[in-house]
């Protein structure tokens, strides 16, 4: 759905919706819709048996190729690569009993990394230890914000940002 679609459902103008969204979340309504679409796409890739094309259409994309470009821009990897990474983590857990994973982070915006760690926690369950390594990608302030946003995920450690910050 687009900002226009949401504004119609909420009986407000697009401008008003964007203004209120920005005041509350710090991002525009368009950015908010994109972030939520990306998060839902990740959830569907992990938890459904749907193909990338099916997920694209389910989320309102007319062109699966455009959806794949949208996903790669937001997640840093293609939908197939994203799904393969989670399937590999699940396989490693099931076949070898590995229960500790180090998650390298450093994307911009850092909220994409937070969403990925959240999705990984959801996919692997609460008995898996997650070590989040943000020492080469996040600034000190991003690291602090990310730690607050991931407090409920029971990460075993979050490596702090380097002195140089984002590279």
Foldseek 3Di string as FASTA:
>chain_A
DALCVVCVVVVHDSVVQQVVCCVVPVHGPRVVLLVVLLLVLLLCLQPPPDDLVVSCVVSPHPDSVVVQVSNCVLQVHGSVVSSVVLVVVVCCCVVVVQQEDEAEAADPPRVSVLSSLVSSCVRRDLRGAYEYEDQEHAAQVSQVVSCVSCVVSPHVYYDGHHNVGHD
